[in-house]
Amino acid sequence: MAASVLTSDVTAFSFKNIDFNAQVLDWGDIRKPRLAWHEYLKRDGGEAEYMGRAPHVTRLNLVYIGPNWRKDLLNLQASIDDYPIGVLTHAFYGSMNMACLGVEESRVNLDDGTNTVLVPISFRESNLDQRITRQETQQGPAYKHGQVTIYTTLLAKAAALYLAASAAVSVYNQLAQAYAVAATNTTLSTDSPDPTLDKQLANVVIAAKTARDAIRADPAATNDAVTYPAILNIELVLDACNQLADSIKSVKPVLSPWQVPATTTLLSIAQTFYGRDAATRMDEIRINNIGKIPNPAAVQSGTLLLMAPPTVRTY
């Protein structure tokens, strides 16, 4: 599953605890209400009557590549043959009890390369009265930190084959985990964001390239198909770190210096930056500028304040 396609939070695909996230080429879902339509003679239009939701259907295209394709595919197929009903962990919808409808004509295309098998597979919901609840808020830094931890663990597992690259992968994982800890900790402090976070993230980006290059140069990396799971997880770790950085900025924006052009009130400054939210942002400005605003009724000209990004246009 390409890490760059989806910008919202996603999880890994699995069925009955068998992880096949690395094999997901694409997927689609059908989730529709049942509607009974009533029409009446000599009346215009009609009425729809809600009759409950139809079972959710998920269809995936899996691609099994590399020397272990047969073992991985048969592991999934054996679990389905044993009992086709179980928990599907879906990238969007989370855990759903589903019945596997089976493989819908797996195929080998000679043009796709050696050891490449495409496997279309479908699942249909096996559950009653399960509804999706609204998420009033997006997952915050703690959730993003957890994603970094999950993907570094998966990377360590996927890269275990590459002994020559182990040092580079280990350094990358350590830098990513250290960045996640530092970034999350900054949300627990009343201080300004940690000024070293950008540098730490830059080091993670550099380490990601080093780890990728090391895996591709490893003697065990016979072709791109073999290295795909490890390379994928390197990208997922990096994407999780970038999402954590964005989350931190939304929770605790980076402060920028701004010089008061003429003596004015704190309320006027807040209105300049935050418009109708000025009254609720005044305490924030004072906390970010302790000792610089002794008199909110007269903030002196030339005072250098640290301000969060404006929500209205400033000049």
C-alpha atoms as a PDB file:
ATOM      1  CA  MET A   1       0.000   0.000   0.000  1.00  0.00           C
ATOM      2  CA  ALA A   2       1.627   3.242  -1.125  1.00  0.00           C
ATOM      3  CA  ALA A   3       2.331   5.487   1.848  1.00  0.00           C
ATOM      4  CA  SER A   4       2.082   8.735  -0.156  1.00  0.00           C
ATOM      5  CA  VAL A   5      -1.444   8.244  -1.516  1.00  0.00           C
ATOM      6  CA  LEU A   6      -3.407   8.708   1.701  1.00  0.00           C
ATOM      7  CA  THR A   7      -2.847  11.677   3.974  1.00  0.00           C
ATOM      8  CA  SER A   8      -5.269  10.653   6.706  1.00  0.00           C
ATOM      9  CA  ASP A   9      -4.664   8.006   9.326  1.00  0.00           C
ATOM     10  CA  VAL A  10      -4.623   4.453   8.043  1.00  0.00           C
ATOM     11  CA  THR A  11      -3.795   1.076   9.557  1.00  0.00           C
ATOM     12  CA  ALA A  12      -2.446  -2.141   8.099  1.00  0.00           C
ATOM     13  CA  PHE A  13      -4.628  -4.763   6.415  1.00  0.00           C
ATOM     14  CA  SER A  14      -4.888  -8.213   7.994  1.00  0.00           C
ATOM     15  CA  PHE A  15      -7.352 -11.105   8.170  1.00  0.00           C
ATOM     16  CA  LYS A  16      -7.473 -13.491  11.135  1.00  0.00           C
ATOM     17  CA  ASN A  17      -4.190 -11.920  12.329  1.00  0.00           C
ATOM     18  CA  ILE A  18      -2.429 -12.666   9.043  1.00  0.00           C
ATOM     19  CA  ASP A  19      -0.791  -9.420   7.925  1.00  0.00           C
ATOM     20  CA  PHE A  20      -0.927  -8.796   4.179  1.00  0.00           C
ATOM     21  CA  ASN A  21      -0.472  -5.028   4.177  1.00  0.00           C
ATOM     22  CA  ALA A  22       2.687  -5.340   2.067  1.00  0.00           C
ATOM     23  CA  GLN A  23       0.712  -7.268  -0.580  1.00  0.00           C
ATOM     24  CA  VAL A  24      -2.175  -4.778  -0.994  1.00  0.00           C
ATOM     25  CA  LEU A  25      -2.015  -3.280  -4.476  1.00  0.00           C
ATOM     26  CA  ASP A  26      -5.381  -1.509  -4.264  1.00  0.00           C
ATOM     27  CA  TRP A  27      -8.814  -1.993  -2.758  1.00  0.00           C
ATOM     28  CA  GLY A  28     -12.426  -0.887  -2.967  1.00  0.00           C
ATOM     29  CA  ASP A  29     -15.460  -0.980  -0.697  1.00  0.00           C
ATOM     30  CA  ILE A  30     -19.219  -1.179  -1.131  1.00  0.00           C
ATOM     31  CA  ARG A  31     -21.253   0.168   1.807  1.00  0.00           C
ATOM     32  CA  LYS A  32     -24.825   1.083   0.872  1.00  0.00           C
ATOM     33  CA  PRO A  33     -28.195   1.555   2.582  1.00  0.00           C
ATOM     34  CA  ARG A  34     -31.159  -0.624   1.634  1.00  0.00           C
ATOM     35  CA  LEU A  35     -34.004   1.559   0.412  1.00  0.00           C
ATOM     36  CA  ALA A  36     -37.566   0.579  -0.441  1.00  0.00           C
ATOM     37  CA  TRP A  37     -39.208   2.970  -2.870  1.00  0.00           C
ATOM     38  CA  HIS A  38     -42.916   3.664  -2.701  1.00  0.00           C
ATOM     39  CA  GLU A  39     -44.813   5.325  -5.531  1.00  0.00           C
ATOM     40  CA  TYR A  40     -48.507   6.195  -5.604  1.00  0.00           C
ATOM     41  CA  LEU A  41     -50.980   6.612  -8.408  1.00  0.00           C
ATOM     42  CA  LYS A  42     -51.936  10.210  -9.081  1.00  0.00           C
ATOM     43  CA  ARG A  43     -49.094  11.481  -6.844  1.00  0.00           C
ATOM     44  CA  ASP A  44     -45.884  13.065  -8.099  1.00  0.00           C
ATOM     45  CA  GLY A  45     -42.580  11.656  -6.908  1.00  0.00           C
ATOM     46  CA  GLY A  46     -42.266   8.937  -4.317  1.00  0.00           C
ATOM     47  CA  GLU A  47     -41.008   8.037  -0.860  1.00  0.00           C
ATOM     48  CA  ALA A  48     -37.872   6.210   0.234  1.00  0.00           C
ATOM     49  CA  GLU A  49     -38.069   3.930   3.264  1.00  0.00           C
ATOM     50  CA  TYR A  50     -34.843   3.000   4.996  1.00  0.00           C
ATOM     51  CA  MET A  51     -34.616  -0.774   5.430  1.00  0.00           C
ATOM     52  CA  GLY A  52     -31.252  -1.044   7.139  1.00  0.00           C
ATOM     53  CA  ARG A  53     -27.731  -1.190   5.749  1.00  0.00           C
ATOM     54  CA  ALA A  54     -26.597  -3.875   3.332  1.00  0.00           C
ATOM     55  CA  PRO A  55     -23.540  -5.936   4.371  1.00  0.00           C
ATOM     56  CA  HIS A  56     -20.238  -4.166   3.845  1.00  0.00           C
ATOM     57  CA  VAL A  57     -18.145  -5.639   1.010  1.00  0.00           C
ATOM     58  CA  THR A  58     -14.387  -5.166   0.652  1.00  0.00           C
ATOM     59  CA  ARG A  59     -12.515  -6.198  -2.468  1.00  0.00           C
ATOM     60  CA  LEU A  60      -8.731  -6.214  -2.551  1.00  0.00           C
ATOM     61  CA  ASN A  61      -6.136  -6.847  -5.208  1.00  0.00           C
ATOM     62  CA  LEU A  62      -3.120  -8.487  -3.607  1.00  0.00           C
ATOM     63  CA  VAL A  63       0.220  -8.977  -5.285  1.00  0.00           C
ATOM     64  CA  TYR A  64       2.587 -11.667  -4.017  1.00  0.00           C
ATOM     65  CA  ILE A  65       6.128 -11.179  -5.242  1.00  0.00           C
ATOM     66  CA  GLY A  66       9.574 -12.532  -4.522  1.00  0.00           C
ATOM     67  CA  PRO A  67      10.853 -16.001  -3.619  1.00  0.00           C
ATOM     68  CA  ASN A  68       8.460 -16.369  -0.662  1.00  0.00           C
ATOM     69  CA  TRP A  69       5.293 -15.644  -2.644  1.00  0.00           C
ATOM     70  CA  ARG A  70       4.006 -19.228  -2.493  1.00  0.00           C
ATOM     71  CA  LYS A  71       4.538 -19.636   1.234  1.00  0.00           C
ATOM     72  CA  ASP A  72       2.869 -16.300   2.051  1.00  0.00           C
ATOM     73  CA  LEU A  73      -0.088 -16.893  -0.261  1.00  0.00           C
ATOM     74  CA  LEU A  74      -0.691 -20.461   0.925  1.00  0.00           C
ATOM     75  CA  ASN A  75      -0.528 -19.302   4.539  1.00  0.00           C
ATOM     76  CA  LEU A  76      -3.461 -16.947   3.898  1.00  0.00           C
ATOM     77  CA  GLN A  77      -5.333 -19.490   1.766  1.00  0.00           C
ATOM     78  CA  ALA A  78      -4.948 -22.259   4.362  1.00  0.00           C
ATOM     79  CA  SER A  79      -6.446 -20.013   7.042  1.00  0.00           C
ATOM     80  CA  ILE A  80      -9.409 -19.217   4.781  1.00  0.00           C
ATOM     81  CA  ASP A  81      -9.923 -22.864   3.854  1.00  0.00           C
ATOM     82  CA  ASP A  82      -9.855 -23.822   7.516  1.00  0.00           C
ATOM     83  CA  TYR A  83     -12.613 -21.333   8.391  1.00  0.00           C
ATOM     84  CA  PRO A  84     -13.482 -18.366   6.151  1.00  0.00           C
ATOM     85  CA  ILE A  85     -15.025 -16.108   8.832  1.00  0.00           C
ATOM     86  CA  GLY A  86     -12.941 -13.901  11.080  1.00  0.00           C
ATOM     87  CA  VAL A  87     -11.788 -10.374  11.845  1.00  0.00           C
ATOM     88  CA  LEU A  88     -10.630  -8.255   8.919  1.00  0.00           C
ATOM     89  CA  THR A  89      -8.587  -5.229   9.957  1.00  0.00           C
ATOM     90  CA  HIS A  90      -9.387  -2.598   7.363  1.00  0.00           C
ATOM     91  CA  ALA A  91      -7.235   0.449   6.625  1.00  0.00           C
ATOM     92  CA  PHE A  92     -10.242   2.803   6.965  1.00  0.00           C
ATOM     93  CA  TYR A  93     -12.916   1.015   8.950  1.00  0.00           C
ATOM     94  CA  GLY A  94     -10.811  -0.793  11.546  1.00  0.00           C
ATOM     95  CA  SER A  95     -11.821  -4.255  12.770  1.00  0.00           C
ATOM     96  CA  MET A  96     -14.856  -5.856  11.125  1.00  0.00           C
ATOM     97  CA  ASN A  97     -16.110  -9.423  11.359  1.00  0.00           C
ATOM     98  CA  MET A  98     -16.085 -10.590   7.752  1.00  0.00           C
ATOM     99  CA  ALA A  99     -16.573 -13.749   5.703  1.00  0.00           C
ATOM    100  CA  CYS A 100     -14.005 -14.266   2.981  1.00  0.00           C
ATOM    101  CA  LEU A 101     -15.750 -14.903  -0.339  1.00  0.00           C
ATOM    102  CA  GLY A 102     -12.555 -16.359  -1.734  1.00  0.00           C
ATOM    103  CA  VAL A 103     -10.116 -15.649  -4.507  1.00  0.00           C
ATOM    104  CA  GLU A 104     -11.675 -14.369  -7.712  1.00  0.00           C
ATOM    105  CA  GLU A 105      -9.312 -15.767 -10.356  1.00  0.00           C
ATOM    106  CA  SER A 106      -5.709 -15.269  -9.339  1.00  0.00           C
ATOM    107  CA  ARG A 107      -3.432 -14.770 -12.300  1.00  0.00           C
ATOM    108  CA  VAL A 108       0.158 -14.750 -13.423  1.00  0.00           C
ATOM    109  CA  ASN A 109       1.121 -12.265 -16.123  1.00  0.00           C
ATOM    110  CA  LEU A 110       4.459 -13.084 -17.723  1.00  0.00           C
ATOM    111  CA  ASP A 111       5.072  -9.384 -18.338  1.00  0.00           C
ATOM    112  CA  ASP A 112       4.868  -8.624 -14.601  1.00  0.00           C
ATOM    113  CA  GLY A 113       8.136 -10.384 -13.866  1.00  0.00           C
ATOM    114  CA  THR A 114       9.397 -13.475 -12.093  1.00  0.00           C
ATOM    115  CA  ASN A 115       7.550 -14.713  -8.999  1.00  0.00           C
ATOM    116  CA  THR A 116       4.664 -12.267  -9.307  1.00  0.00           C
ATOM    117  CA  VAL A 117       1.098 -13.415  -8.671  1.00  0.00           C
ATOM    118  CA  LEU A 118      -1.977 -11.146  -8.623  1.00  0.00           C
ATOM    119  CA  VAL A 119      -4.712 -12.313  -6.240  1.00  0.00           C
ATOM    120  CA  PRO A 120      -8.142 -10.586  -6.243  1.00  0.00           C
ATOM    121  CA  ILE A 121      -9.980 -11.440  -3.021  1.00  0.00           C
ATOM    122  CA  SER A 122     -13.302 -10.335  -1.484  1.00  0.00           C
ATOM    123  CA  PHE A 123     -14.819 -10.127   1.995  1.00  0.00           C
ATOM    124  CA  ARG A 124     -18.458  -9.642   3.045  1.00  0.00           C
ATOM    125  CA  GLU A 125     -19.582  -8.438   6.444  1.00  0.00           C
ATOM    126  CA  SER A 126     -20.722 -11.114   8.915  1.00  0.00           C
ATOM    127  CA  ASN A 127     -22.118  -8.946  11.686  1.00  0.00           C
ATOM    128  CA  LEU A 128     -25.365  -7.289  12.721  1.00  0.00           C
ATOM    129  CA  ASP A 129     -26.166  -3.714  13.685  1.00  0.00           C
ATOM    130  CA  GLN A 130     -22.608  -2.399  13.563  1.00  0.00           C
ATOM    131  CA  ARG A 131     -22.458   1.317  12.922  1.00  0.00           C
ATOM    132  CA  ILE A 132     -19.650   3.753  12.297  1.00  0.00           C
ATOM    133  CA  THR A 133     -19.379   6.345  15.042  1.00  0.00           C
ATOM    134  CA  ARG A 134     -18.420   9.910  14.288  1.00  0.00           C
ATOM    135  CA  GLN A 135     -14.898  10.961  15.166  1.00  0.00           C
ATOM    136  CA  GLU A 136     -15.216  14.482  16.459  1.00  0.00           C
ATOM    137  CA  THR A 137     -11.473  15.070  16.518  1.00  0.00           C
ATOM    138  CA  GLN A 138      -8.561  13.806  14.463  1.00  0.00           C
ATOM    139  CA  GLN A 139      -5.999  11.554  16.098  1.00  0.00           C
ATOM    140  CA  GLY A 140      -3.397  13.686  17.811  1.00  0.00           C
ATOM    141  CA  PRO A 141       0.340  13.445  18.483  1.00  0.00           C
ATOM    142  CA  ALA A 142       0.028  10.450  20.837  1.00  0.00           C
ATOM    143  CA  TYR A 143      -1.640   8.427  18.074  1.00  0.00           C
ATOM    144  CA  LYS A 144       0.990   9.502  15.534  1.00  0.00           C
ATOM    145  CA  HIS A 145       3.716   8.511  18.001  1.00  0.00           C
ATOM    146  CA  GLY A 146       2.111   5.085  18.209  1.00  0.00           C
ATOM    147  CA  GLN A 147       2.211   4.774  14.414  1.00  0.00           C
ATOM    148  CA  VAL A 148       5.954   5.460  14.427  1.00  0.00           C
ATOM    149  CA  THR A 149       6.403   2.700  17.016  1.00  0.00           C
ATOM    150  CA  ILE A 150       4.319   0.224  15.007  1.00  0.00           C
ATOM    151  CA  TYR A 151       6.159   0.820  11.744  1.00  0.00           C
ATOM    152  CA  THR A 152       9.654   0.750  13.266  1.00  0.00           C
ATOM    153  CA  THR A 153       8.762  -2.643  14.742  1.00  0.00           C
ATOM    154  CA  LEU A 154       7.524  -3.878  11.358  1.00  0.00           C
ATOM    155  CA  LEU A 155      10.663  -2.516   9.688  1.00  0.00           C
ATOM    156  CA  ALA A 156      12.944  -4.353  12.112  1.00  0.00           C
ATOM    157  CA  LYS A 157      11.124  -7.572  11.277  1.00  0.00           C
ATOM    158  CA  ALA A 158      11.125  -6.995   7.504  1.00  0.00           C
ATOM    159  CA  ALA A 159      14.817  -6.024   7.448  1.00  0.00           C
ATOM    160  CA  ALA A 160      16.069  -8.926   9.591  1.00  0.00           C
ATOM    161  CA  LEU A 161      17.199 -10.716   6.430  1.00  0.00           C
ATOM    162  CA  TYR A 162      19.712  -7.985   5.555  1.00  0.00           C
ATOM    163  CA  LEU A 163      22.634  -8.454   7.929  1.00  0.00           C
ATOM    164  CA  ALA A 164      24.936  -6.004   6.177  1.00  0.00           C
ATOM    165  CA  ALA A 165      22.259  -3.308   6.384  1.00  0.00           C
ATOM    166  CA  SER A 166      21.302  -3.986   9.997  1.00  0.00           C
ATOM    167  CA  ALA A 167      23.357  -1.100  11.427  1.00  0.00           C
ATOM    168  CA  ALA A 168      21.816   1.458   9.068  1.00  0.00           C
ATOM    169  CA  VAL A 169      18.296   0.194   9.739  1.00  0.00           C
ATOM    170  CA  SER A 170      18.899   0.208  13.501  1.00  0.00           C
ATOM    171  CA  VAL A 171      20.173   3.804  13.423  1.00  0.00           C
ATOM    172  CA  TYR A 172      17.164   4.853  11.359  1.00  0.00           C
ATOM    173  CA  ASN A 173      14.722   3.229  13.768  1.00  0.00           C
ATOM    174  CA  GLN A 174      16.476   4.779  16.772  1.00  0.00           C
ATOM    175  CA  LEU A 175      16.391   8.275  15.254  1.00  0.00           C
ATOM    176  CA  ALA A 176      12.718   7.911  14.310  1.00  0.00           C
ATOM    177  CA  GLN A 177      11.774   6.700  17.790  1.00  0.00           C
ATOM    178  CA  ALA A 178      13.822   9.449  19.466  1.00  0.00           C
ATOM    179  CA  TYR A 179      12.149  12.058  17.289  1.00  0.00           C
ATOM    180  CA  ALA A 180       8.711  10.671  18.146  1.00  0.00           C
ATOM    181  CA  VAL A 181       9.470  10.872  21.877  1.00  0.00           C
ATOM    182  CA  ALA A 182      10.816  14.434  21.651  1.00  0.00           C
ATOM    183  CA  ALA A 183       7.930  15.598  19.468  1.00  0.00           C
ATOM    184  CA  THR A 184       5.296  14.107  21.772  1.00  0.00           C
ATOM    185  CA  ASN A 185       6.993  15.486  24.890  1.00  0.00           C
ATOM    186  CA  THR A 186       6.815  19.025  23.528  1.00  0.00           C
ATOM    187  CA  THR A 187       3.008  18.838  23.704  1.00  0.00           C
ATOM    188  CA  LEU A 188       3.207  18.130  27.433  1.00  0.00           C
ATOM    189  CA  SER A 189       5.188  21.284  28.159  1.00  0.00           C
ATOM    190  CA  THR A 190       4.017  24.878  28.468  1.00  0.00           C
ATOM    191  CA  ASP A 191       7.247  26.000  26.797  1.00  0.00           C
ATOM    192  CA  SER A 192       7.585  26.823  23.122  1.00  0.00           C
ATOM    193  CA  PRO A 193       8.074  23.848  20.757  1.00  0.00           C
ATOM    194  CA  ASP A 194      11.461  22.149  20.989  1.00  0.00           C
ATOM    195  CA  PRO A 195      13.686  24.118  18.562  1.00  0.00           C
ATOM    196  CA  THR A 196      15.674  20.958  17.737  1.00  0.00           C
ATOM    197  CA  LEU A 197      12.679  19.076  16.295  1.00  0.00           C
ATOM    198  CA  ASP A 198      13.226  20.250  12.716  1.00  0.00           C
ATOM    199  CA  LYS A 199      16.867  19.154  12.866  1.00  0.00           C
ATOM    200  CA  GLN A 200      15.902  15.791  14.346  1.00  0.00           C
ATOM    201  CA  LEU A 201      13.362  15.233  11.572  1.00  0.00           C
ATOM    202  CA  ALA A 202      15.956  16.183   8.962  1.00  0.00           C
ATOM    203  CA  ASN A 203      18.270  13.540  10.443  1.00  0.00           C
ATOM    204  CA  VAL A 204      15.472  10.971  10.154  1.00  0.00           C
ATOM    205  CA  VAL A 205      15.089  11.844   6.448  1.00  0.00           C
ATOM    206  CA  ILE A 206      18.831  11.379   5.873  1.00  0.00           C
ATOM    207  CA  ALA A 207      18.838   8.100   7.802  1.00  0.00           C
ATOM    208  CA  ALA A 208      15.903   6.839   5.720  1.00  0.00           C
ATOM    209  CA  LYS A 209      17.923   7.234   2.518  1.00  0.00           C
ATOM    210  CA  THR A 210      20.936   5.573   4.130  1.00  0.00           C
ATOM    211  CA  ALA A 211      18.814   2.620   5.232  1.00  0.00           C
ATOM    212  CA  ARG A 212      17.236   2.272   1.774  1.00  0.00           C
ATOM    213  CA  ASP A 213      20.626   2.331   0.071  1.00  0.00           C
ATOM    214  CA  ALA A 214      22.059  -0.175   2.556  1.00  0.00           C
ATOM    215  CA  ILE A 215      19.228  -2.665   2.000  1.00  0.00           C
ATOM    216  CA  ARG A 216      19.483  -2.419  -1.779  1.00  0.00           C
ATOM    217  CA  ALA A 217      23.253  -2.985  -1.560  1.00  0.00           C
ATOM    218  CA  ASP A 218      22.934  -5.935   0.831  1.00  0.00           C
ATOM    219  CA  PRO A 219      23.989  -9.329  -0.656  1.00  0.00           C
ATOM    220  CA  ALA A 220      20.598 -10.761   0.330  1.00  0.00           C
ATOM    221  CA  ALA A 221      18.794  -8.173  -1.836  1.00  0.00           C
ATOM    222  CA  THR A 222      18.647 -10.155  -5.071  1.00  0.00           C
ATOM    223  CA  ASN A 223      15.940  -7.998  -6.692  1.00  0.00           C
ATOM    224  CA  ASP A 224      13.428  -5.242  -6.008  1.00  0.00           C
ATOM    225  CA  ALA A 225      10.665  -7.735  -5.255  1.00  0.00           C
ATOM    226  CA  VAL A 226      12.664  -9.177  -2.364  1.00  0.00           C
ATOM    227  CA  THR A 227      13.418  -5.779  -0.819  1.00  0.00           C
ATOM    228  CA  TYR A 228       9.881  -4.410  -1.265  1.00  0.00           C
ATOM    229  CA  PRO A 229       8.552  -5.147   2.286  1.00  0.00           C
ATOM    230  CA  ALA A 230      11.583  -3.546   3.967  1.00  0.00           C
ATOM    231  CA  ILE A 231      11.631  -0.514   1.667  1.00  0.00           C
ATOM    232  CA  LEU A 232       7.880  -0.071   2.153  1.00  0.00           C
ATOM    233  CA  ASN A 233       8.255   0.022   5.934  1.00  0.00           C
ATOM    234  CA  ILE A 234      11.095   2.545   5.684  1.00  0.00           C
ATOM    235  CA  GLU A 235       8.673   4.812   3.821  1.00  0.00           C
ATOM    236  CA  LEU A 236       5.888   4.155   6.333  1.00  0.00           C
ATOM    237  CA  VAL A 237       8.166   5.106   9.256  1.00  0.00           C
ATOM    238  CA  LEU A 238       9.152   8.328   7.502  1.00  0.00           C
ATOM    239  CA  ASP A 239       5.544   9.140   6.634  1.00  0.00           C
ATOM    240  CA  ALA A 240       4.491   8.569  10.262  1.00  0.00           C
ATOM    241  CA  CYS A 241       7.225  10.971  11.441  1.00  0.00           C
ATOM    242  CA  ASN A 242       6.081  13.618   8.950  1.00  0.00           C
ATOM    243  CA  GLN A 243       2.475  13.214  10.062  1.00  0.00           C
ATOM    244  CA  LEU A 244       3.595  13.581  13.681  1.00  0.00           C
ATOM    245  CA  ALA A 245       5.411  16.815  12.753  1.00  0.00           C
ATOM    246  CA  ASP A 246       2.221  18.193  11.168  1.00  0.00           C
ATOM    247  CA  SER A 247       0.211  17.146  14.214  1.00  0.00           C
ATOM    248  CA  ILE A 248       2.607  18.917  16.587  1.00  0.00           C
ATOM    249  CA  LYS A 249       2.350  22.141  14.571  1.00  0.00           C
ATOM    250  CA  SER A 250      -1.434  22.054  14.817  1.00  0.00           C
ATOM    251  CA  VAL A 251      -1.332  21.486  18.575  1.00  0.00           C
ATOM    252  CA  LYS A 252       1.560  23.822  19.352  1.00  0.00           C
ATOM    253  CA  PRO A 253       2.304  26.107  16.383  1.00  0.00           C
ATOM    254  CA  VAL A 254       5.835  27.330  15.777  1.00  0.00           C
ATOM    255  CA  LEU A 255       6.185  30.872  17.097  1.00  0.00           C
ATOM    256  CA  SER A 256       7.557  33.669  14.917  1.00  0.00           C
ATOM    257  CA  PRO A 257       8.996  37.012  16.059  1.00  0.00           C
ATOM    258  CA  TRP A 258       6.926  40.168  15.454  1.00  0.00           C
ATOM    259  CA  GLN A 259       7.831  43.708  16.480  1.00  0.00           C
ATOM    260  CA  VAL A 260       5.106  45.993  17.776  1.00  0.00           C
ATOM    261  CA  PRO A 261       5.106  48.960  15.336  1.00  0.00           C
ATOM    262  CA  ALA A 262       3.481  51.480  17.719  1.00  0.00           C
ATOM    263  CA  THR A 263       2.315  51.452  21.317  1.00  0.00           C
ATOM    264  CA  THR A 264      -1.039  49.683  21.428  1.00  0.00           C
ATOM    265  CA  THR A 265      -3.189  47.354  23.507  1.00  0.00           C
ATOM    266  CA  LEU A 266      -2.843  43.604  23.763  1.00  0.00           C
ATOM    267  CA  LEU A 267      -6.411  43.249  22.524  1.00  0.00           C
ATOM    268  CA  SER A 268      -5.580  45.248  19.394  1.00  0.00           C
ATOM    269  CA  ILE A 269      -2.578  42.996  18.692  1.00  0.00           C
ATOM    270  CA  ALA A 270      -4.735  39.916  19.152  1.00  0.00           C
ATOM    271  CA  GLN A 271      -7.337  41.338  16.764  1.00  0.00           C
ATOM    272  CA  THR A 272      -4.659  42.033  14.169  1.00  0.00           C
ATOM    273  CA  PHE A 273      -3.551  38.386  14.203  1.00  0.00           C
ATOM    274  CA  TYR A 274      -6.673  36.438  15.148  1.00  0.00           C
ATOM    275  CA  GLY A 275      -9.679  38.583  14.275  1.00  0.00           C
ATOM    276  CA  ARG A 276     -12.879  37.488  16.020  1.00  0.00           C
ATOM    277  CA  ASP A 277     -10.934  35.046  18.211  1.00  0.00           C
ATOM    278  CA  ALA A 278      -8.854  37.850  19.714  1.00  0.00           C
ATOM    279  CA  ALA A 279     -10.327  37.732  23.219  1.00  0.00           C
ATOM    280  CA  THR A 280      -9.680  33.993  23.560  1.00  0.00           C
ATOM    281  CA  ARG A 281      -6.070  34.298  22.321  1.00  0.00           C
ATOM    282  CA  MET A 282      -4.868  37.055  24.655  1.00  0.00           C
ATOM    283  CA  ASP A 283      -3.761  34.678  27.443  1.00  0.00           C
ATOM    284  CA  GLU A 284      -1.850  32.616  24.874  1.00  0.00           C
ATOM    285  CA  ILE A 285       0.062  35.695  23.727  1.00  0.00           C
ATOM    286  CA  ARG A 286       0.964  36.595  27.330  1.00  0.00           C
ATOM    287  CA  ILE A 287       2.142  33.050  28.111  1.00  0.00           C
ATOM    288  CA  ASN A 288       4.316  33.013  24.989  1.00  0.00           C
ATOM    289  CA  ASN A 289       5.814  36.393  25.951  1.00  0.00           C
ATOM    290  CA  ILE A 290       6.321  36.267  29.707  1.00  0.00           C
ATOM    291  CA  GLY A 291       7.804  39.520  31.019  1.00  0.00           C
ATOM    292  CA  LYS A 292       7.333  41.399  27.751  1.00  0.00           C
ATOM    293  CA  ILE A 293       3.804  42.708  28.392  1.00  0.00           C
ATOM    294  CA  PRO A 294       3.740  44.282  31.869  1.00  0.00           C
ATOM    295  CA  ASN A 295       0.790  46.472  30.883  1.00  0.00           C
ATOM    296  CA  PRO A 296      -1.726  44.890  28.437  1.00  0.00           C
ATOM    297  CA  ALA A 297      -3.301  48.317  27.959  1.00  0.00           C
ATOM    298  CA  ALA A 298      -0.047  49.744  26.587  1.00  0.00           C
ATOM    299  CA  VAL A 299       2.305  47.317  24.840  1.00  0.00           C
ATOM    300  CA  GLN A 300       5.321  49.458  24.022  1.00  0.00           C
ATOM    301  CA  SER A 301       6.468  50.221  20.482  1.00  0.00           C
ATOM    302  CA  GLY A 302       9.459  48.108  19.462  1.00  0.00           C
ATOM    303  CA  THR A 303       8.559  45.192  21.766  1.00  0.00           C
ATOM    304  CA  LEU A 304       9.568  41.910  20.076  1.00  0.00           C
ATOM    305  CA  LEU A 305       6.801  39.360  20.593  1.00  0.00           C
ATOM    306  CA  LEU A 306       6.650  35.671  19.695  1.00  0.00           C
ATOM    307  CA  MET A 307       3.379  35.036  17.901  1.00  0.00           C
ATOM    308  CA  ALA A 308       1.603  31.902  16.689  1.00  0.00           C
ATOM    309  CA  PRO A 309       0.631  31.966  12.982  1.00  0.00           C
ATOM    310  CA  PRO A 310      -2.157  34.464  12.242  1.00  0.00           C
ATOM    311  CA  THR A 311      -5.652  33.346  11.312  1.00  0.00           C
ATOM    312  CA  VAL A 312      -6.315  36.584   9.407  1.00  0.00           C
ATOM    313  CA  ARG A 313      -4.173  38.374   6.877  1.00  0.00           C
ATOM    314  CA  THR A 314      -1.590  40.682   8.466  1.00  0.00           C
ATOM    315  CA  TYR A 315       0.361  43.479   6.842  1.00  0.00           C
END
